[in-house]
Structure formats: C-alpha cells, structure tokens
Amino acid sequence: MFYLIGAGINDYADMPLKGLEYCKKCSFVFLEKYTSIFSDESVKKLEELIGKKIIIVGREDLENDFEILILEKAVKNDAALIVAGDPLAATTHIEFLRSCKERGVDYKVVHASSIYSGVCEIGLHVYKFGKSCSIPFPEPNFNPTSFFDVITENHNIGAHTLVFLDIKQDLKKYMTINEGLKILLKISKDKGGFFDEDCEVIGIARLGSDNQVIKCGSVKELLNFDFSANPHVLIIPCMNDIEREYVANLYL
C-alpha cells in the first residue's frame, strides 16, 4: 500500500491525524523536502510522533527514482510519502498514483490544507482566482517571462493571480516578495505592461504559522517592506467592492 500524505500549510503540526496514523503503521516513511520548509527540529518531532525514522527525499529523487526508491517498497510493504500542503495541489504528484495503478499497488491520499485554501484568510473569494504562476530566479541563459503573461491574462478578466516565488531548497535560496516585485516591474516595463509601482499587491509570508505576515498595499509600499523569513508568496489582486472591504478591514 502507498500513502500520499499532505503535511499541511505550515509544518508537522498541520498534518491530519489520519496521516499520522497511516505513518505509524507504515514500514517506510519518506518526506519530500524540496518544496517544504520542514526544519530539522520538525522532522525529529514528527519522527517521535510516528515512532520511526523518516527518509528525506529531494526533487530529483521523486522525478527520476520514485518507482525504485518508494514504489518498490510499497509492493510488499506499506510506504508513505509526505509532501508539503495538499499532496495533489502540485500536478506532478498525480504521476505517483498513475505509477501505482500501473503496478497494481493500492494507494490512499490524505488531503491537507494548502496555500490555495489558506489565502482565503485574506478576504479574497477563492472562485475569483485565475491561473497561478511561479517566478524563477533568473540565471544565465534562463530568464523566462511567461509567468507575466499569466498575470496579464488574469488581470484582463478581473481574476486574482497567486504568484509562487522560487525555492531552491538544496541551496537554501528563497526568493523574497521584494525580489519578485522587482522582477515583475522590470518585465512589465520591457513589455509595456500594466504592472507598475501604483498597482495593488498582497504579500504573504509564512502563512499558517504563528508569525505569519500579510500586507496589502501598492508595489511601492511593499518594495522595501521587511517580510522577514521565508516562505513568501505574492497575490496580484483584482478586487471587487466586497473583497476590498474585507481586505481593508483586516489588513490595511
């Protein structure tokens, strides 16, 4: 049996009880740490809760060696993979279930809170979000701008955009809201886009934690605001009157 378990929006304390119970009975428990911010302390506490050692896996492990590393163990044993947020919010994870189906391995999915549900705390209506996108760190010979096209398309139809900011867990490198805004401003200027320092944006840091930060304001206001520790995400909103009232009451 293979268990695909969501860890929730923040850390091990957000994991559903069902997920913990499944981990306790599994012979092997893996934790994907590429997109999560599980600290070493959180991993140790989770190990104490489930009573076994957790095997840490990275992005390449899952993309290239899922069948060898995890699925083979699930053929004759119970094996669990814990991932940040909701396990199927990342579309690539559906491949794990397809692999199980092809090999005749039974599976269960344990859903959990994710950034997609968590952002509703801001006061925005979930049905008004358009496509999400990600801003990668610019690199030599790699400087895509397609994410700005997604933001523009959403803006044109009055939809909010949830913008993920690059995480390079192996390098301990995390894009900040400030860096993301600067990248968007440059691309918008180059393309003659709508995005400028007067646009409304919402910056979110560590959503779901005890020290989360949510700030709404103009790009100019947020450019130099200190959101402190990662992870950060951005929202480019297109608010109606009701949403604007909620956001104004809660975060302005």
C-alpha atoms as a PDB file:
ATOM      1  CA  MET A   1       0.000   0.000   0.000  1.00  0.00           C
ATOM      2  CA  PHE A   2       1.200   3.506  -0.861  1.00  0.00           C
ATOM      3  CA  TYR A   3       0.054   6.522   1.139  1.00  0.00           C
ATOM      4  CA  LEU A   4       0.404  10.016  -0.316  1.00  0.00           C
ATOM      5  CA  ILE A   5       0.040  12.344   2.658  1.00  0.00           C
ATOM      6  CA  GLY A   6      -0.278  16.109   2.818  1.00  0.00           C
ATOM      7  CA  ALA A   7       1.675  17.790   5.604  1.00  0.00           C
ATOM      8  CA  GLY A   8      -0.489  20.899   5.609  1.00  0.00           C
ATOM      9  CA  ILE A   9       0.331  24.516   5.049  1.00  0.00           C
ATOM     10  CA  ASN A  10       2.995  25.049   7.696  1.00  0.00           C
ATOM     11  CA  ASP A  11       4.748  22.161   9.453  1.00  0.00           C
ATOM     12  CA  TYR A  12       4.179  18.745  11.024  1.00  0.00           C
ATOM     13  CA  ALA A  13       1.556  20.138  13.445  1.00  0.00           C
ATOM     14  CA  ASP A  14      -0.759  20.800  10.481  1.00  0.00           C
ATOM     15  CA  MET A  15      -0.737  17.191   9.277  1.00  0.00           C
ATOM     16  CA  PRO A  16      -4.149  15.480   9.519  1.00  0.00           C
ATOM     17  CA  LEU A  17      -4.482  12.889  12.282  1.00  0.00           C
ATOM     18  CA  LYS A  18      -5.318  10.287   9.648  1.00  0.00           C
ATOM     19  CA  GLY A  19      -1.942  10.942   8.031  1.00  0.00           C
ATOM     20  CA  LEU A  20      -0.131  10.438  11.329  1.00  0.00           C
ATOM     21  CA  GLU A  21      -1.947   7.149  11.930  1.00  0.00           C
ATOM     22  CA  TYR A  22      -1.023   5.855   8.477  1.00  0.00           C
ATOM     23  CA  CYS A  23       2.622   6.826   9.029  1.00  0.00           C
ATOM     24  CA  LYS A  24       2.682   4.903  12.302  1.00  0.00           C
ATOM     25  CA  LYS A  25       1.720   1.658  10.574  1.00  0.00           C
ATOM     26  CA  CYS A  26       3.981   2.093   7.539  1.00  0.00           C
ATOM     27  CA  SER A  27       7.285   0.268   7.245  1.00  0.00           C
ATOM     28  CA  PHE A  28       8.800   3.167   5.296  1.00  0.00           C
ATOM     29  CA  VAL A  29       8.048   6.888   5.594  1.00  0.00           C
ATOM     30  CA  PHE A  30       9.512   9.409   3.161  1.00  0.00           C
ATOM     31  CA  LEU A  31       9.403  13.199   3.374  1.00  0.00           C
ATOM     32  CA  GLU A  32       9.743  15.409   0.290  1.00  0.00           C
ATOM     33  CA  LYS A  33      11.745  18.408   1.413  1.00  0.00           C
ATOM     34  CA  TYR A  34      12.280  20.301  -1.823  1.00  0.00           C
ATOM     35  CA  THR A  35       9.183  22.488  -1.589  1.00  0.00           C
ATOM     36  CA  SER A  36       8.590  22.232   2.159  1.00  0.00           C
ATOM     37  CA  ILE A  37      10.187  24.251   4.952  1.00  0.00           C
ATOM     38  CA  PHE A  38      10.323  21.423   7.474  1.00  0.00           C
ATOM     39  CA  SER A  39      13.113  22.260   9.891  1.00  0.00           C
ATOM     40  CA  ASP A  40      15.344  19.508  11.240  1.00  0.00           C
ATOM     41  CA  GLU A  41      13.594  20.005  14.581  1.00  0.00           C
ATOM     42  CA  SER A  42      10.177  19.494  12.964  1.00  0.00           C
ATOM     43  CA  VAL A  43      11.376  16.294  11.310  1.00  0.00           C
ATOM     44  CA  LYS A  44      12.619  14.985  14.662  1.00  0.00           C
ATOM     45  CA  LYS A  45       9.313  15.809  16.350  1.00  0.00           C
ATOM     46  CA  LEU A  46       7.407  14.057  13.587  1.00  0.00           C
ATOM     47  CA  GLU A  47       9.669  11.013  13.950  1.00  0.00           C
ATOM     48  CA  GLU A  48       8.853  10.952  17.661  1.00  0.00           C
ATOM     49  CA  LEU A  49       5.120  11.106  16.920  1.00  0.00           C
ATOM     50  CA  ILE A  50       5.131   8.233  14.435  1.00  0.00           C
ATOM     51  CA  GLY A  51       7.827   6.198  16.178  1.00  0.00           C
ATOM     52  CA  LYS A  52      10.153   5.682  13.226  1.00  0.00           C
ATOM     53  CA  LYS A  53      12.924   7.235  11.168  1.00  0.00           C
ATOM     54  CA  ILE A  54      11.876   9.429   8.242  1.00  0.00           C
ATOM     55  CA  ILE A  55      13.753   9.171   4.951  1.00  0.00           C
ATOM     56  CA  ILE A  56      14.320  12.582   3.345  1.00  0.00           C
ATOM     57  CA  VAL A  57      13.959  12.749  -0.452  1.00  0.00           C
ATOM     58  CA  GLY A  58      14.541  15.599  -2.879  1.00  0.00           C
ATOM     59  CA  ARG A  59      13.085  16.697  -6.168  1.00  0.00           C
ATOM     60  CA  GLU A  60      15.388  14.578  -8.332  1.00  0.00           C
ATOM     61  CA  ASP A  61      14.700  11.510  -6.201  1.00  0.00           C
ATOM     62  CA  LEU A  62      10.981  11.793  -6.900  1.00  0.00           C
ATOM     63  CA  GLU A  63      11.238  12.827 -10.538  1.00  0.00           C
ATOM     64  CA  ASN A  64      13.756  10.160 -11.526  1.00  0.00           C
ATOM     65  CA  ASP A  65      13.635   7.371  -8.957  1.00  0.00           C
ATOM     66  CA  PHE A  66      10.135   7.248  -7.449  1.00  0.00           C
ATOM     67  CA  GLU A  67       9.456   3.714  -8.660  1.00  0.00           C
ATOM     68  CA  ILE A  68      12.789   2.341  -7.443  1.00  0.00           C
ATOM     69  CA  LEU A  69      13.022   4.340  -4.237  1.00  0.00           C
ATOM     70  CA  ILE A  70       9.431   4.236  -2.989  1.00  0.00           C
ATOM     71  CA  LEU A  71       7.057   2.227  -5.170  1.00  0.00           C
ATOM     72  CA  GLU A  72       9.121  -0.968  -4.994  1.00  0.00           C
ATOM     73  CA  LYS A  73       8.796  -0.853  -1.211  1.00  0.00           C
ATOM     74  CA  ALA A  74       5.029  -0.316  -1.467  1.00  0.00           C
ATOM     75  CA  VAL A  75       4.630  -3.547  -3.461  1.00  0.00           C
ATOM     76  CA  LYS A  76       5.171  -5.735  -0.391  1.00  0.00           C
ATOM     77  CA  ASN A  77       5.051  -3.196   2.449  1.00  0.00           C
ATOM     78  CA  ASP A  78       3.184  -0.076   3.488  1.00  0.00           C
ATOM     79  CA  ALA A  79       5.070   3.041   2.401  1.00  0.00           C
ATOM     80  CA  ALA A  80       4.155   6.708   2.844  1.00  0.00           C
ATOM     81  CA  LEU A  81       5.327   9.871   1.141  1.00  0.00           C
ATOM     82  CA  ILE A  82       4.709  13.145   2.996  1.00  0.00           C
ATOM     83  CA  VAL A  83       4.609  16.325   0.918  1.00  0.00           C
ATOM     84  CA  ALA A  84       4.007  19.965   1.812  1.00  0.00           C
ATOM     85  CA  GLY A  85       0.486  21.378   1.648  1.00  0.00           C
ATOM     86  CA  ASP A  86      -2.100  19.258  -0.120  1.00  0.00           C
ATOM     87  CA  PRO A  87      -0.405  16.332  -1.874  1.00  0.00           C
ATOM     88  CA  LEU A  88      -2.200  16.832  -5.178  1.00  0.00           C
ATOM     89  CA  ALA A  89      -2.022  20.627  -5.380  1.00  0.00           C
ATOM     90  CA  ALA A  90       1.199  20.024  -7.312  1.00  0.00           C
ATOM     91  CA  THR A  91       0.041  18.407 -10.546  1.00  0.00           C
ATOM     92  CA  THR A  92       3.191  16.289 -10.910  1.00  0.00           C
ATOM     93  CA  HIS A  93       2.256  14.225  -7.853  1.00  0.00           C
ATOM     94  CA  ILE A  94      -0.633  12.645  -9.731  1.00  0.00           C
ATOM     95  CA  GLU A  95       2.067  10.696 -11.587  1.00  0.00           C
ATOM     96  CA  PHE A  96       2.752   8.753  -8.392  1.00  0.00           C
ATOM     97  CA  LEU A  97      -0.820   7.496  -8.358  1.00  0.00           C
ATOM     98  CA  ARG A  98      -0.639   6.546 -12.008  1.00  0.00           C
ATOM     99  CA  SER A  99       2.530   4.574 -11.322  1.00  0.00           C
ATOM    100  CA  CYS A 100       0.727   2.756  -8.513  1.00  0.00           C
ATOM    101  CA  LYS A 101      -2.159   1.933 -10.831  1.00  0.00           C
ATOM    102  CA  GLU A 102       0.185   0.568 -13.478  1.00  0.00           C
ATOM    103  CA  ARG A 103       1.990  -1.635 -10.949  1.00  0.00           C
ATOM    104  CA  GLY A 104      -1.198  -2.812  -9.260  1.00  0.00           C
ATOM    105  CA  VAL A 105      -0.298  -1.157  -5.953  1.00  0.00           C
ATOM    106  CA  ASP A 106      -3.190   0.081  -3.821  1.00  0.00           C
ATOM    107  CA  TYR A 107      -2.977   3.685  -2.663  1.00  0.00           C
ATOM    108  CA  LYS A 108      -4.659   6.230  -0.416  1.00  0.00           C
ATOM    109  CA  VAL A 109      -4.444  10.028  -0.490  1.00  0.00           C
ATOM    110  CA  VAL A 110      -4.642  12.121   2.675  1.00  0.00           C
ATOM    111  CA  HIS A 111      -5.565  15.683   1.784  1.00  0.00           C
ATOM    112  CA  ALA A 112      -4.489  18.667   3.869  1.00  0.00           C
ATOM    113  CA  SER A 113      -4.572  22.448   3.992  1.00  0.00           C
ATOM    114  CA  SER A 114      -2.624  24.227   1.268  1.00  0.00           C
ATOM    115  CA  ILE A 115      -1.731  27.707   0.113  1.00  0.00           C
ATOM    116  CA  TYR A 116      -4.708  27.568  -2.245  1.00  0.00           C
ATOM    117  CA  SER A 117      -7.169  27.365   0.640  1.00  0.00           C
ATOM    118  CA  GLY A 118      -5.097  29.380   3.100  1.00  0.00           C
ATOM    119  CA  VAL A 119      -5.098  32.561   1.029  1.00  0.00           C
ATOM    120  CA  CYS A 120      -8.859  32.864   1.562  1.00  0.00           C
ATOM    121  CA  GLU A 121      -7.996  34.190   5.027  1.00  0.00           C
ATOM    122  CA  ILE A 122      -7.118  37.454   3.304  1.00  0.00           C
ATOM    123  CA  GLY A 123     -10.729  38.047   2.286  1.00  0.00           C
ATOM    124  CA  LEU A 124     -10.475  37.214  -1.407  1.00  0.00           C
ATOM    125  CA  HIS A 125     -13.046  34.901  -2.973  1.00  0.00           C
ATOM    126  CA  VAL A 126     -11.470  31.609  -3.998  1.00  0.00           C
ATOM    127  CA  TYR A 127     -13.555  31.347  -7.184  1.00  0.00           C
ATOM    128  CA  LYS A 128     -12.043  34.614  -8.435  1.00  0.00           C
ATOM    129  CA  PHE A 129      -8.514  33.236  -8.685  1.00  0.00           C
ATOM    130  CA  GLY A 130      -7.228  32.571 -12.180  1.00  0.00           C
ATOM    131  CA  LYS A 131      -4.205  30.510 -13.161  1.00  0.00           C
ATOM    132  CA  SER A 132      -1.340  30.565 -10.687  1.00  0.00           C
ATOM    133  CA  CYS A 133       2.251  31.030 -11.791  1.00  0.00           C
ATOM    134  CA  SER A 134       5.804  30.927 -10.476  1.00  0.00           C
ATOM    135  CA  ILE A 135       8.670  33.398 -10.728  1.00  0.00           C
ATOM    136  CA  PRO A 136      12.005  31.578 -11.052  1.00  0.00           C
ATOM    137  CA  PHE A 137      15.375  33.030 -10.173  1.00  0.00           C
ATOM    138  CA  PRO A 138      16.912  34.494 -13.351  1.00  0.00           C
ATOM    139  CA  GLU A 139      20.021  32.591 -14.407  1.00  0.00           C
ATOM    140  CA  PRO A 140      22.484  32.819 -17.285  1.00  0.00           C
ATOM    141  CA  ASN A 141      20.696  31.544 -20.414  1.00  0.00           C
ATOM    142  CA  PHE A 142      17.488  31.106 -18.403  1.00  0.00           C
ATOM    143  CA  ASN A 143      15.282  34.135 -17.919  1.00  0.00           C
ATOM    144  CA  PRO A 144      11.660  33.232 -18.763  1.00  0.00           C
ATOM    145  CA  THR A 145       8.852  35.784 -18.704  1.00  0.00           C
ATOM    146  CA  SER A 146       5.806  33.612 -19.442  1.00  0.00           C
ATOM    147  CA  PHE A 147       4.582  33.984 -15.858  1.00  0.00           C
ATOM    148  CA  PHE A 148       3.977  37.677 -16.547  1.00  0.00           C
ATOM    149  CA  ASP A 149       1.692  36.701 -19.427  1.00  0.00           C
ATOM    150  CA  VAL A 150      -0.386  34.629 -16.983  1.00  0.00           C
ATOM    151  CA  ILE A 151      -0.671  37.607 -14.618  1.00  0.00           C
ATOM    152  CA  THR A 152      -1.696  39.859 -17.505  1.00  0.00           C
ATOM    153  CA  GLU A 153      -4.324  37.395 -18.766  1.00  0.00           C
ATOM    154  CA  ASN A 154      -5.826  37.125 -15.285  1.00  0.00           C
ATOM    155  CA  HIS A 155      -5.771  40.908 -14.868  1.00  0.00           C
ATOM    156  CA  ASN A 156      -7.615  41.357 -18.150  1.00  0.00           C
ATOM    157  CA  ILE A 157     -10.509  39.160 -16.994  1.00  0.00           C
ATOM    158  CA  GLY A 158     -10.632  40.527 -13.435  1.00  0.00           C
ATOM    159  CA  ALA A 159      -9.088  37.465 -11.787  1.00  0.00           C
ATOM    160  CA  HIS A 160      -6.593  37.302  -8.934  1.00  0.00           C
ATOM    161  CA  THR A 161      -3.183  35.715  -9.520  1.00  0.00           C
ATOM    162  CA  LEU A 162      -1.404  33.647  -6.889  1.00  0.00           C
ATOM    163  CA  VAL A 163       2.301  34.010  -7.628  1.00  0.00           C
ATOM    164  CA  PHE A 164       4.730  31.479  -6.203  1.00  0.00           C
ATOM    165  CA  LEU A 165       8.296  32.612  -5.605  1.00  0.00           C
ATOM    166  CA  ASP A 166      11.230  30.354  -6.388  1.00  0.00           C
ATOM    167  CA  ILE A 167      12.570  27.969  -3.756  1.00  0.00           C
ATOM    168  CA  LYS A 168      15.933  26.271  -4.167  1.00  0.00           C
ATOM    169  CA  GLN A 169      15.929  24.142  -1.045  1.00  0.00           C
ATOM    170  CA  ASP A 170      19.227  22.454  -1.833  1.00  0.00           C
ATOM    171  CA  LEU A 171      20.958  25.853  -1.979  1.00  0.00           C
ATOM    172  CA  LYS A 172      18.944  27.353   0.888  1.00  0.00           C
ATOM    173  CA  LYS A 173      17.892  30.076  -1.516  1.00  0.00           C
ATOM    174  CA  TYR A 174      14.399  31.550  -1.308  1.00  0.00           C
ATOM    175  CA  MET A 175      13.014  34.378  -3.412  1.00  0.00           C
ATOM    176  CA  THR A 176      11.554  37.215  -1.367  1.00  0.00           C
ATOM    177  CA  ILE A 177       8.456  39.260  -2.129  1.00  0.00           C
ATOM    178  CA  ASN A 178      10.720  42.248  -2.710  1.00  0.00           C
ATOM    179  CA  GLU A 179      12.782  40.368  -5.306  1.00  0.00           C
ATOM    180  CA  GLY A 180       9.652  39.094  -7.034  1.00  0.00           C
ATOM    181  CA  LEU A 181       8.203  42.600  -7.305  1.00  0.00           C
ATOM    182  CA  LYS A 182      11.416  43.946  -8.822  1.00  0.00           C
ATOM    183  CA  ILE A 183      11.401  41.188 -11.439  1.00  0.00           C
ATOM    184  CA  LEU A 184       7.756  41.914 -12.319  1.00  0.00           C
ATOM    185  CA  LEU A 185       8.414  45.656 -12.606  1.00  0.00           C
ATOM    186  CA  LYS A 186      11.308  45.091 -15.000  1.00  0.00           C
ATOM    187  CA  ILE A 187       9.390  42.688 -17.221  1.00  0.00           C
ATOM    188  CA  SER A 188       6.336  44.962 -17.272  1.00  0.00           C
ATOM    189  CA  LYS A 189       8.494  47.904 -18.290  1.00  0.00           C
ATOM    190  CA  ASP A 190      10.172  45.875 -21.044  1.00  0.00           C
ATOM    191  CA  LYS A 191       6.815  44.617 -22.349  1.00  0.00           C
ATOM    192  CA  GLY A 192       4.839  47.811 -21.854  1.00  0.00           C
ATOM    193  CA  GLY A 193       2.607  46.015 -19.363  1.00  0.00           C
ATOM    194  CA  PHE A 194       0.097  47.241 -16.806  1.00  0.00           C
ATOM    195  CA  PHE A 195       2.185  46.456 -13.720  1.00  0.00           C
ATOM    196  CA  ASP A 196       3.784  49.500 -12.089  1.00  0.00           C
ATOM    197  CA  GLU A 197       4.575  50.874  -8.628  1.00  0.00           C
ATOM    198  CA  ASP A 198       0.989  52.065  -8.129  1.00  0.00           C
ATOM    199  CA  CYS A 199      -0.563  48.609  -8.583  1.00  0.00           C
ATOM    200  CA  GLU A 200      -2.162  46.906  -5.584  1.00  0.00           C
ATOM    201  CA  VAL A 201      -0.424  43.766  -4.384  1.00  0.00           C
ATOM    202  CA  ILE A 202      -0.651  41.470  -1.385  1.00  0.00           C
ATOM    203  CA  GLY A 203       2.475  39.988   0.160  1.00  0.00           C
ATOM    204  CA  ILE A 204       2.238  36.904   2.365  1.00  0.00           C
ATOM    205  CA  ALA A 205       4.983  35.385   4.493  1.00  0.00           C
ATOM    206  CA  ARG A 206       4.803  32.133   6.468  1.00  0.00           C
ATOM    207  CA  LEU A 207       1.050  31.709   6.018  1.00  0.00           C
ATOM    208  CA  GLY A 208      -0.442  29.474   8.689  1.00  0.00           C
ATOM    209  CA  SER A 209       2.395  29.947  11.162  1.00  0.00           C
ATOM    210  CA  ASP A 210       2.241  31.810  14.470  1.00  0.00           C
ATOM    211  CA  ASN A 211       4.253  34.673  12.970  1.00  0.00           C
ATOM    212  CA  GLN A 212       2.605  34.980   9.562  1.00  0.00           C
ATOM    213  CA  VAL A 213       2.675  38.362   7.839  1.00  0.00           C
ATOM    214  CA  ILE A 214       0.011  39.572   5.405  1.00  0.00           C
ATOM    215  CA  LYS A 215       0.381  43.046   3.949  1.00  0.00           C
ATOM    216  CA  CYS A 216      -1.695  44.754   1.283  1.00  0.00           C
ATOM    217  CA  GLY A 217      -0.587  47.949  -0.414  1.00  0.00           C
ATOM    218  CA  SER A 218       0.935  49.430  -3.514  1.00  0.00           C
ATOM    219  CA  VAL A 219       4.002  47.887  -5.107  1.00  0.00           C
ATOM    220  CA  LYS A 220       5.930  50.963  -3.991  1.00  0.00           C
ATOM    221  CA  GLU A 221       4.870  50.404  -0.370  1.00  0.00           C
ATOM    222  CA  LEU A 222       5.799  46.728  -0.363  1.00  0.00           C
ATOM    223  CA  LEU A 223       9.089  47.020  -2.252  1.00  0.00           C
ATOM    224  CA  ASN A 224      11.066  47.882   0.866  1.00  0.00           C
ATOM    225  CA  PHE A 225       8.885  46.202   3.475  1.00  0.00           C
ATOM    226  CA  ASP A 226      10.686  43.574   5.551  1.00  0.00           C
ATOM    227  CA  PHE A 227       8.650  40.354   5.410  1.00  0.00           C
ATOM    228  CA  SER A 228      11.421  38.509   7.247  1.00  0.00           C
ATOM    229  CA  ALA A 229      11.833  34.725   6.946  1.00  0.00           C
ATOM    230  CA  ASN A 230      10.579  32.541   4.095  1.00  0.00           C
ATOM    231  CA  PRO A 231       8.449  31.243   2.500  1.00  0.00           C
ATOM    232  CA  HIS A 232       6.903  34.181   0.662  1.00  0.00           C
ATOM    233  CA  VAL A 233       4.126  34.339  -1.945  1.00  0.00           C
ATOM    234  CA  LEU A 234       2.511  37.196  -3.836  1.00  0.00           C
ATOM    235  CA  ILE A 235      -1.035  37.901  -4.900  1.00  0.00           C
ATOM    236  CA  ILE A 236      -1.826  40.291  -7.728  1.00  0.00           C
ATOM    237  CA  PRO A 237      -5.484  41.013  -6.892  1.00  0.00           C
ATOM    238  CA  CYS A 238      -8.412  42.293  -8.919  1.00  0.00           C
ATOM    239  CA  MET A 239     -10.762  43.031  -6.025  1.00  0.00           C
ATOM    240  CA  ASN A 240     -14.477  43.714  -6.165  1.00  0.00           C
ATOM    241  CA  ASP A 241     -16.099  46.024  -3.597  1.00  0.00           C
ATOM    242  CA  ILE A 242     -16.851  43.242  -1.110  1.00  0.00           C
ATOM    243  CA  GLU A 243     -13.320  41.850  -1.250  1.00  0.00           C
ATOM    244  CA  ARG A 244     -11.836  45.318  -0.943  1.00  0.00           C
ATOM    245  CA  GLU A 245     -13.899  45.921   2.195  1.00  0.00           C
ATOM    246  CA  TYR A 246     -12.719  42.651   3.758  1.00  0.00           C
ATOM    247  CA  VAL A 247      -9.072  43.324   2.939  1.00  0.00           C
ATOM    248  CA  ALA A 248      -9.296  46.935   4.126  1.00  0.00           C
ATOM    249  CA  ASN A 249     -10.809  45.886   7.462  1.00  0.00           C
ATOM    250  CA  LEU A 250      -8.329  43.090   8.056  1.00  0.00           C
ATOM    251  CA  TYR A 251      -5.018  44.160   6.561  1.00  0.00           C
ATOM    252  CA  LEU A 252      -4.906  47.898   5.869  1.00  0.00           C
END
